[in-house]
């Protein structure tokens, strides 16, 4: 039985990635041991993992994940209050396919899209 998935995304600099996810997005560190080339963070019911890829060209990074939420408007507002940059092509909007979505780019240009299904 599969219980969960933990996406693994590339990062160029662990300190920068950790600061973005913990200080800006409100994630928490996972575990008690620090691995120099690996980072694990969690928020609510999800966990994200990052592997060190110092040679990553962020403009050539196609890393992306879709995160479902049941509180899209308050999550969007939370990020705005924390001055998190919203993707220029991804402001909060209702899509024709029945989802309300917005997107962020992390420091390594991993695309994070948040979505909530409309009733």
C-alpha atoms as a PDB file:
ATOM      1  CA  UNK A   1       0.000   0.000   0.000  1.00  0.00           C
ATOM      2  CA  UNK A   2       1.383   3.418  -0.984  1.00  0.00           C
ATOM      3  CA  UNK A   3       0.779   6.034   1.698  1.00  0.00           C
ATOM      4  CA  UNK A   4       2.501   9.193   0.508  1.00  0.00           C
ATOM      5  CA  UNK A   5       4.934  10.716  -1.944  1.00  0.00           C
ATOM      6  CA  UNK A   6       7.889  12.979  -1.193  1.00  0.00           C
ATOM      7  CA  UNK A   7       9.046  14.801  -4.349  1.00  0.00           C
ATOM      8  CA  UNK A   8      12.799  15.336  -4.710  1.00  0.00           C
ATOM      9  CA  UNK A   9      13.814  18.632  -6.302  1.00  0.00           C
ATOM     10  CA  UNK A  10      17.240  20.062  -7.163  1.00  0.00           C
ATOM     11  CA  UNK A  11      18.849  22.859  -5.161  1.00  0.00           C
ATOM     12  CA  UNK A  12      22.053  24.800  -5.780  1.00  0.00           C
ATOM     13  CA  UNK A  13      22.584  26.069  -2.256  1.00  0.00           C
ATOM     14  CA  UNK A  14      21.141  24.347   0.791  1.00  0.00           C
ATOM     15  CA  UNK A  15      21.153  27.460   3.008  1.00  0.00           C
ATOM     16  CA  UNK A  16      19.261  29.507   0.404  1.00  0.00           C
ATOM     17  CA  UNK A  17      16.708  26.752  -0.221  1.00  0.00           C
ATOM     18  CA  UNK A  18      16.202  26.151   3.491  1.00  0.00           C
ATOM     19  CA  UNK A  19      15.706  29.859   4.179  1.00  0.00           C
ATOM     20  CA  UNK A  20      13.126  30.150   1.385  1.00  0.00           C
ATOM     21  CA  UNK A  21      11.033  27.173   2.431  1.00  0.00           C
ATOM     22  CA  UNK A  22      11.314  27.637   6.210  1.00  0.00           C
ATOM     23  CA  UNK A  23      11.448  31.414   6.661  1.00  0.00           C
ATOM     24  CA  UNK A  24       9.279  32.500   3.742  1.00  0.00           C
ATOM     25  CA  UNK A  25       6.884  29.630   3.030  1.00  0.00           C
ATOM     26  CA  UNK A  26       6.524  28.440   6.625  1.00  0.00           C
ATOM     27  CA  UNK A  27       7.788  24.865   6.237  1.00  0.00           C
ATOM     28  CA  UNK A  28       9.581  23.036   9.058  1.00  0.00           C
ATOM     29  CA  UNK A  29      12.748  20.972   8.930  1.00  0.00           C
ATOM     30  CA  UNK A  30      12.303  17.200   9.013  1.00  0.00           C
ATOM     31  CA  UNK A  31      14.524  14.964  11.131  1.00  0.00           C
ATOM     32  CA  UNK A  32      17.231  15.618  13.644  1.00  0.00           C
ATOM     33  CA  UNK A  33      20.283  14.919  11.493  1.00  0.00           C
ATOM     34  CA  UNK A  34      21.736  17.404   9.029  1.00  0.00           C
ATOM     35  CA  UNK A  35      22.949  16.100   5.677  1.00  0.00           C
ATOM     36  CA  UNK A  36      25.201  18.547   3.788  1.00  0.00           C
ATOM     37  CA  UNK A  37      23.812  17.654   0.361  1.00  0.00           C
ATOM     38  CA  UNK A  38      20.192  16.899   1.241  1.00  0.00           C
ATOM     39  CA  UNK A  39      17.286  18.840   2.742  1.00  0.00           C
ATOM     40  CA  UNK A  40      13.876  17.671   3.949  1.00  0.00           C
ATOM     41  CA  UNK A  41      11.028  20.034   4.862  1.00  0.00           C
ATOM     42  CA  UNK A  42       7.356  19.597   5.672  1.00  0.00           C
ATOM     43  CA  UNK A  43       4.201  21.648   5.892  1.00  0.00           C
ATOM     44  CA  UNK A  44       0.899  20.216   7.049  1.00  0.00           C
ATOM     45  CA  UNK A  45       0.558  16.781   5.380  1.00  0.00           C
ATOM     46  CA  UNK A  46       3.274  17.145   2.730  1.00  0.00           C
ATOM     47  CA  UNK A  47       7.021  16.666   2.708  1.00  0.00           C
ATOM     48  CA  UNK A  48       9.505  17.920   0.123  1.00  0.00           C
ATOM     49  CA  UNK A  49      13.075  16.704  -0.327  1.00  0.00           C
ATOM     50  CA  UNK A  50      15.937  18.508  -2.077  1.00  0.00           C
ATOM     51  CA  UNK A  51      19.247  17.189  -3.389  1.00  0.00           C
ATOM     52  CA  UNK A  52      22.345  19.302  -3.962  1.00  0.00           C
ATOM     53  CA  UNK A  53      22.957  20.106  -7.636  1.00  0.00           C
ATOM     54  CA  UNK A  54      25.479  22.988  -7.623  1.00  0.00           C
ATOM     55  CA  UNK A  55      25.771  23.042 -11.434  1.00  0.00           C
ATOM     56  CA  UNK A  56      22.036  23.512 -11.960  1.00  0.00           C
ATOM     57  CA  UNK A  57      21.140  26.262 -14.418  1.00  0.00           C
ATOM     58  CA  UNK A  58      17.883  27.594 -12.913  1.00  0.00           C
ATOM     59  CA  UNK A  59      16.722  28.800 -16.326  1.00  0.00           C
ATOM     60  CA  UNK A  60      16.966  25.190 -17.565  1.00  0.00           C
ATOM     61  CA  UNK A  61      15.292  23.630 -14.510  1.00  0.00           C
ATOM     62  CA  UNK A  62      12.029  21.850 -15.240  1.00  0.00           C
ATOM     63  CA  UNK A  63      11.389  20.749 -11.642  1.00  0.00           C
ATOM     64  CA  UNK A  64       7.755  21.270 -10.755  1.00  0.00           C
ATOM     65  CA  UNK A  65       5.164  19.997  -8.327  1.00  0.00           C
ATOM     66  CA  UNK A  66       1.439  20.527  -7.855  1.00  0.00           C
ATOM     67  CA  UNK A  67       0.217  20.911  -4.278  1.00  0.00           C
ATOM     68  CA  UNK A  68      -3.482  20.537  -3.482  1.00  0.00           C
ATOM     69  CA  UNK A  69      -4.980  22.618  -0.698  1.00  0.00           C
ATOM     70  CA  UNK A  70      -8.392  23.135   0.860  1.00  0.00           C
ATOM     71  CA  UNK A  71      -7.664  26.781   1.712  1.00  0.00           C
ATOM     72  CA  UNK A  72      -6.253  28.393  -1.439  1.00  0.00           C
ATOM     73  CA  UNK A  73      -7.304  31.964  -0.649  1.00  0.00           C
ATOM     74  CA  UNK A  74      -5.864  32.020   2.857  1.00  0.00           C
ATOM     75  CA  UNK A  75      -2.653  30.293   1.708  1.00  0.00           C
ATOM     76  CA  UNK A  76      -2.237  32.882  -1.050  1.00  0.00           C
ATOM     77  CA  UNK A  77      -2.821  35.696   1.441  1.00  0.00           C
ATOM     78  CA  UNK A  78      -0.334  34.115   3.875  1.00  0.00           C
ATOM     79  CA  UNK A  79       2.355  34.157   1.173  1.00  0.00           C
ATOM     80  CA  UNK A  80       1.532  37.733   0.163  1.00  0.00           C
ATOM     81  CA  UNK A  81       1.831  38.873   3.787  1.00  0.00           C
ATOM     82  CA  UNK A  82       5.269  37.237   3.953  1.00  0.00           C
ATOM     83  CA  UNK A  83       6.263  39.054   0.733  1.00  0.00           C
ATOM     84  CA  UNK A  84       6.706  35.805  -1.220  1.00  0.00           C
ATOM     85  CA  UNK A  85       7.058  36.536  -4.926  1.00  0.00           C
ATOM     86  CA  UNK A  86       4.194  35.089  -6.946  1.00  0.00           C
ATOM     87  CA  UNK A  87       5.109  33.753 -10.391  1.00  0.00           C
ATOM     88  CA  UNK A  88       4.459  36.537 -12.943  1.00  0.00           C
ATOM     89  CA  UNK A  89       2.285  34.168 -14.979  1.00  0.00           C
ATOM     90  CA  UNK A  90       0.735  32.489 -11.954  1.00  0.00           C
ATOM     91  CA  UNK A  91      -1.413  34.854  -9.880  1.00  0.00           C
ATOM     92  CA  UNK A  92      -4.368  33.415  -8.008  1.00  0.00           C
ATOM     93  CA  UNK A  93      -7.170  32.769 -10.447  1.00  0.00           C
ATOM     94  CA  UNK A  94      -9.973  30.364 -11.221  1.00  0.00           C
ATOM     95  CA  UNK A  95      -9.094  28.123 -14.157  1.00  0.00           C
ATOM     96  CA  UNK A  96     -11.493  26.802 -16.778  1.00  0.00           C
ATOM     97  CA  UNK A  97     -10.801  23.235 -15.613  1.00  0.00           C
ATOM     98  CA  UNK A  98     -12.439  23.853 -12.234  1.00  0.00           C
ATOM     99  CA  UNK A  99      -9.403  24.661 -10.108  1.00  0.00           C
ATOM    100  CA  UNK A 100      -8.387  27.818  -8.272  1.00  0.00           C
ATOM    101  CA  UNK A 101      -4.593  28.092  -8.582  1.00  0.00           C
ATOM    102  CA  UNK A 102      -1.454  30.162  -8.159  1.00  0.00           C
ATOM    103  CA  UNK A 103       2.252  29.475  -8.689  1.00  0.00           C
ATOM    104  CA  UNK A 104       5.644  30.314  -7.185  1.00  0.00           C
ATOM    105  CA  UNK A 105       9.205  29.824  -8.369  1.00  0.00           C
ATOM    106  CA  UNK A 106      11.691  28.871  -5.673  1.00  0.00           C
ATOM    107  CA  UNK A 107      15.304  30.162  -5.772  1.00  0.00           C
ATOM    108  CA  UNK A 108      16.259  27.332  -8.160  1.00  0.00           C
ATOM    109  CA  UNK A 109      13.204  27.851 -10.388  1.00  0.00           C
ATOM    110  CA  UNK A 110      11.362  24.766  -9.200  1.00  0.00           C
ATOM    111  CA  UNK A 111       7.747  25.598 -10.050  1.00  0.00           C
ATOM    112  CA  UNK A 112       5.299  25.187  -7.157  1.00  0.00           C
ATOM    113  CA  UNK A 113       1.661  25.318  -8.218  1.00  0.00           C
ATOM    114  CA  UNK A 114      -0.985  25.349  -5.501  1.00  0.00           C
ATOM    115  CA  UNK A 115      -4.533  24.413  -6.382  1.00  0.00           C
ATOM    116  CA  UNK A 116      -7.967  23.882  -4.875  1.00  0.00           C
ATOM    117  CA  UNK A 117     -10.827  22.132  -6.628  1.00  0.00           C
ATOM    118  CA  UNK A 118     -13.930  24.271  -6.822  1.00  0.00           C
ATOM    119  CA  UNK A 119     -17.160  22.853  -5.367  1.00  0.00           C
END
